[in-house]
């Protein structure tokens, strides 16, 4: 297990932050005072409005620029296309800088959703609960797996002040999720002519074999 853990950590380091370029991610470049400003409070309120009942955020939506005006029950969150992780990072920082309990509540709901969505083998689907189609496969494309693991790694790092809101029980669950997730990455690596080579965009949630996604 230790060799697999080292290999998986190396993968995460090589992958870098993998924050992507979502609107929520870009807010992390703002100075601390901005989070306390009127503009910051509006953006954070907008983010809260887009959180699905399960705890995640939809993809392809500007979750920071405008309030969600539809029925909340119809919101469908995902881990695909840089969704959810950026919003959670912003909320964690917002809580640290303002103390607004709504940010903490939303962050913990999102983190709980991520932990619940992880398969026993360590992988994550594109969204949870997963469909019977390709969305239920373990998803590497769009850095989905790596972004989730990077978030959990930061959330369990005592030096990361934004995540001091995490309680001991959740921290322990997150640490276990990291270990299982990295082990899953290692076990998904494809062997070609007897040598470990690459990964596919998606892997079967049960067998870990390469899985077919959408066809164009």
Protein backbone atom coordinates (compact mmCIF):
# COMPACT_ATOMS: atom_id res chain seq x y z
CA UNK A 1 0.00 0.00 0.00
CA UNK A 2 2.84 2.43 0.78
CA UNK A 3 4.29 2.11 -2.72
CA UNK A 4 0.87 2.71 -4.24
CA UNK A 5 0.34 5.71 -1.99
CA UNK A 6 3.69 7.20 -3.05
CA UNK A 7 2.87 6.66 -6.71
CA UNK A 8 -0.52 8.29 -6.33
CA UNK A 9 0.92 11.28 -4.49
CA UNK A 10 3.46 11.71 -7.28
CA UNK A 11 0.58 11.79 -9.76
CA UNK A 12 -1.11 14.56 -7.76
CA UNK A 13 2.10 16.58 -7.52
CA UNK A 14 2.75 16.31 -11.25
CA UNK A 15 -0.86 17.30 -11.91
CA UNK A 16 -0.35 20.50 -9.90
CA UNK A 17 -3.22 22.44 -8.43
CA UNK A 18 -5.58 21.46 -11.21
CA UNK A 19 -7.91 24.27 -10.18
CA UNK A 20 -8.93 24.86 -13.75
CA UNK A 21 -10.44 28.17 -14.72
CA UNK A 22 -13.94 28.24 -13.26
CA UNK A 23 -15.42 31.53 -12.09
CA UNK A 24 -15.32 30.32 -8.49
CA UNK A 25 -11.66 29.33 -8.77
CA UNK A 26 -10.75 32.83 -9.92
CA UNK A 27 -12.20 34.33 -6.75
CA UNK A 28 -9.41 32.64 -4.80
CA UNK A 29 -7.03 35.24 -6.25
CA UNK A 30 -8.95 38.04 -4.53
CA UNK A 31 -7.42 39.73 -1.46
CA UNK A 32 -8.86 39.01 1.97
CA UNK A 33 -10.61 42.38 2.18
CA UNK A 34 -12.63 41.60 -0.94
CA UNK A 35 -14.37 38.70 0.83
CA UNK A 36 -15.63 41.17 3.44
CA UNK A 37 -16.69 43.76 0.85
CA UNK A 38 -20.15 44.20 -0.60
CA UNK A 39 -19.01 42.68 -3.90
CA UNK A 40 -17.58 39.69 -2.09
CA UNK A 41 -20.73 39.16 -0.05
CA UNK A 42 -22.85 39.27 -3.21
CA UNK A 43 -20.65 36.70 -4.94
CA UNK A 44 -20.75 34.38 -1.93
CA UNK A 45 -24.53 34.71 -1.70
CA UNK A 46 -24.74 33.81 -5.39
CA UNK A 47 -22.61 30.71 -4.79
CA UNK A 48 -24.87 29.63 -1.92
CA UNK A 49 -27.92 29.95 -4.15
CA UNK A 50 -26.50 27.50 -6.71
CA UNK A 51 -25.75 24.66 -4.27
CA UNK A 52 -27.89 21.62 -4.99
CA UNK A 53 -29.88 19.90 -2.21
CA UNK A 54 -27.24 17.13 -2.26
CA UNK A 55 -24.41 19.60 -1.69
CA UNK A 56 -22.73 20.01 -5.09
CA UNK A 57 -22.82 22.68 -7.80
CA UNK A 58 -23.76 22.42 -11.50
CA UNK A 59 -21.22 22.77 -14.30
CA UNK A 60 -21.24 25.34 -17.05
CA UNK A 61 -23.02 27.93 -14.92
CA UNK A 62 -21.81 31.26 -13.63
CA UNK A 63 -22.34 30.48 -9.96
CA UNK A 64 -20.64 33.70 -8.79
CA UNK A 65 -22.16 36.37 -11.02
CA UNK A 66 -25.87 35.91 -10.48
CA UNK A 67 -28.39 34.29 -8.14
CA UNK A 68 -30.02 31.02 -9.11
CA UNK A 69 -33.62 31.86 -9.93
CA UNK A 70 -35.09 28.41 -10.51
CA UNK A 71 -36.40 25.65 -8.29
CA UNK A 72 -33.65 24.39 -6.01
CA UNK A 73 -34.85 20.80 -6.27
CA UNK A 74 -34.00 20.90 -9.98
CA UNK A 75 -30.35 21.82 -9.43
CA UNK A 76 -28.01 18.97 -10.35
CA UNK A 77 -24.48 19.19 -9.02
CA UNK A 78 -21.42 17.46 -10.44
CA UNK A 79 -17.67 16.99 -9.98
CA UNK A 80 -17.12 17.29 -13.73
CA UNK A 81 -15.80 20.34 -15.59
CA UNK A 82 -14.25 21.95 -12.50
CA UNK A 83 -17.59 22.17 -10.68
CA UNK A 84 -18.03 22.08 -6.88
CA UNK A 85 -14.40 22.12 -5.68
CA UNK A 86 -13.89 25.81 -6.47
CA UNK A 87 -17.12 26.81 -4.78
CA UNK A 88 -16.14 24.87 -1.66
CA UNK A 89 -12.72 26.51 -1.49
CA UNK A 90 -14.32 29.96 -1.76
CA UNK A 91 -16.84 29.18 0.98
CA UNK A 92 -14.13 27.89 3.31
CA UNK A 93 -12.14 31.06 2.84
CA UNK A 94 -15.27 33.18 3.17
CA UNK A 95 -16.07 31.59 6.52
CA UNK A 96 -12.54 32.12 7.82
CA UNK A 97 -12.63 35.81 6.91
CA UNK A 98 -16.21 36.68 7.86
CA UNK A 99 -17.39 34.03 10.32
CA UNK A 100 -20.74 33.76 8.50
CA UNK A 101 -22.17 30.38 9.62
CA UNK A 102 -24.02 29.95 6.30
CA UNK A 103 -20.68 29.49 4.54
CA UNK A 104 -19.58 26.84 7.01
CA UNK A 105 -22.88 24.97 6.75
CA UNK A 106 -22.71 24.94 2.94
CA UNK A 107 -19.06 23.88 2.95
CA UNK A 108 -19.66 20.96 5.30
CA UNK A 109 -22.68 19.85 3.27
CA UNK A 110 -20.53 19.84 0.15
CA UNK A 111 -17.68 17.99 1.81
CA UNK A 112 -20.07 15.39 3.22
CA UNK A 113 -21.46 14.94 -0.29
CA UNK A 114 -17.99 14.30 -1.71
CA UNK A 115 -17.21 11.74 0.99
CA UNK A 116 -20.56 10.01 0.49
CA UNK A 117 -20.11 9.92 -3.30
CA UNK A 118 -16.80 8.04 -3.19
CA UNK A 119 -16.98 4.39 -4.19
CA UNK A 120 -15.63 1.80 -1.80
CA UNK A 121 -12.75 1.22 -4.23
CA UNK A 122 -11.75 4.89 -3.93
CA UNK A 123 -13.05 6.30 -7.21
CA UNK A 124 -15.63 9.00 -7.81
CA UNK A 125 -18.39 9.20 -10.43
CA UNK A 126 -19.12 12.40 -12.32
CA UNK A 127 -22.00 13.11 -9.98
CA UNK A 128 -23.85 11.46 -7.11
CA UNK A 129 -26.09 9.57 -6.99
CA UNK A 130 -24.68 8.28 -10.29
CA UNK A 131 -26.72 7.26 -13.30
CA UNK A 132 -26.55 3.83 -14.89
CA UNK A 133 -24.74 5.33 -17.88
CA UNK A 134 -21.21 6.58 -18.34
CA UNK A 135 -21.67 9.23 -15.64
CA UNK A 136 -21.30 6.46 -13.09
CA UNK A 137 -17.80 5.53 -14.24
CA UNK A 138 -14.76 6.56 -12.22
CA UNK A 139 -13.85 9.84 -13.87
CA UNK A 140 -10.32 11.09 -14.54
CA UNK A 141 -11.10 13.44 -17.42
CA UNK A 142 -11.29 17.17 -16.69
CA UNK A 143 -9.11 16.41 -13.65
CA UNK A 144 -12.20 15.34 -11.75
CA UNK A 145 -10.52 12.78 -9.48
CA UNK A 146 -7.44 14.91 -8.94
CA UNK A 147 -9.41 18.04 -8.07
CA UNK A 148 -11.39 16.15 -5.44
CA UNK A 149 -8.26 14.66 -3.92
CA UNK A 150 -6.43 17.98 -3.93
CA UNK A 151 -9.34 19.53 -2.06
CA UNK A 152 -9.29 16.74 0.53
CA UNK A 153 -5.51 16.96 0.88
CA UNK A 154 -5.74 20.68 1.58
CA UNK A 155 -8.71 20.22 3.89
CA UNK A 156 -6.73 17.80 6.06
CA UNK A 157 -3.53 19.89 6.05
CA UNK A 158 -3.16 21.67 9.43
CA UNK A 159 -1.23 24.47 7.74
CA UNK A 160 -4.22 25.40 5.55
CA UNK A 161 -6.05 28.01 7.63
CA UNK A 162 -9.13 28.08 5.39
CA UNK A 163 -9.99 24.53 6.47
CA UNK A 164 -9.71 24.95 10.23
CA UNK A 165 -13.53 24.66 10.26
CA UNK A 166 -13.21 20.91 9.71
CA UNK A 167 -14.03 18.80 12.77
CA UNK A 168 -12.02 15.76 13.81
CA UNK A 169 -14.50 13.16 12.55
CA UNK A 170 -14.69 14.69 9.08
CA UNK A 171 -10.93 15.10 8.98
CA UNK A 172 -10.49 11.39 9.68
CA UNK A 173 -13.02 10.45 7.00
CA UNK A 174 -11.28 12.73 4.53
CA UNK A 175 -7.88 11.18 5.30
CA UNK A 176 -9.33 7.72 4.67
CA UNK A 177 -10.90 8.94 1.43
CA UNK A 178 -7.52 10.27 0.26
CA UNK A 179 -5.82 6.95 0.88
CA UNK A 180 -8.54 5.01 -0.96
CA UNK A 181 -8.59 7.53 -3.79
CA UNK A 182 -4.85 7.38 -4.39
CA UNK A 183 -4.93 3.59 -4.19
CA UNK A 184 -7.67 3.63 -6.83
CA UNK A 185 -5.52 5.77 -9.13
CA UNK A 186 -2.65 3.34 -8.80
CA UNK A 187 -4.86 0.31 -9.47
CA UNK A 188 -6.46 1.92 -12.52
CA UNK A 189 -3.15 2.36 -14.32
CA UNK A 190 -3.17 0.35 -17.55
CA UNK A 191 -0.60 -2.35 -18.22
CA UNK A 192 0.69 -2.55 -21.80
CA UNK A 193 2.99 -5.43 -22.72
CA UNK A 194 3.71 -6.07 -19.08
CA UNK A 195 4.52 -2.47 -18.20
CA UNK A 196 2.51 0.17 -16.36
CA UNK A 197 1.58 2.90 -18.80
CA UNK A 198 -1.39 5.30 -18.84
CA UNK A 199 -4.93 6.00 -17.63
CA UNK A 200 -8.16 6.38 -19.52
CA UNK A 201 -10.63 9.24 -19.16
CA UNK A 202 -13.00 6.88 -17.37
CA UNK A 203 -12.73 3.49 -15.69
CA UNK A 204 -15.42 0.98 -14.79
CA UNK A 205 -16.66 1.56 -11.25
CA UNK A 206 -16.49 -2.17 -10.44
CA UNK A 207 -13.67 -3.71 -12.49
CA UNK A 208 -11.51 -0.55 -12.84
CA UNK A 209 -11.04 -1.46 -16.51
CA UNK A 210 -11.17 1.31 -19.17
CA UNK A 211 -14.79 2.31 -19.80
CA UNK A 212 -16.51 3.90 -22.79
CA UNK A 213 -17.89 7.41 -22.34
CA UNK A 214 -19.83 9.44 -24.86
CA UNK A 215 -19.37 8.85 -28.58
CA UNK A 216 -19.30 11.82 -30.94
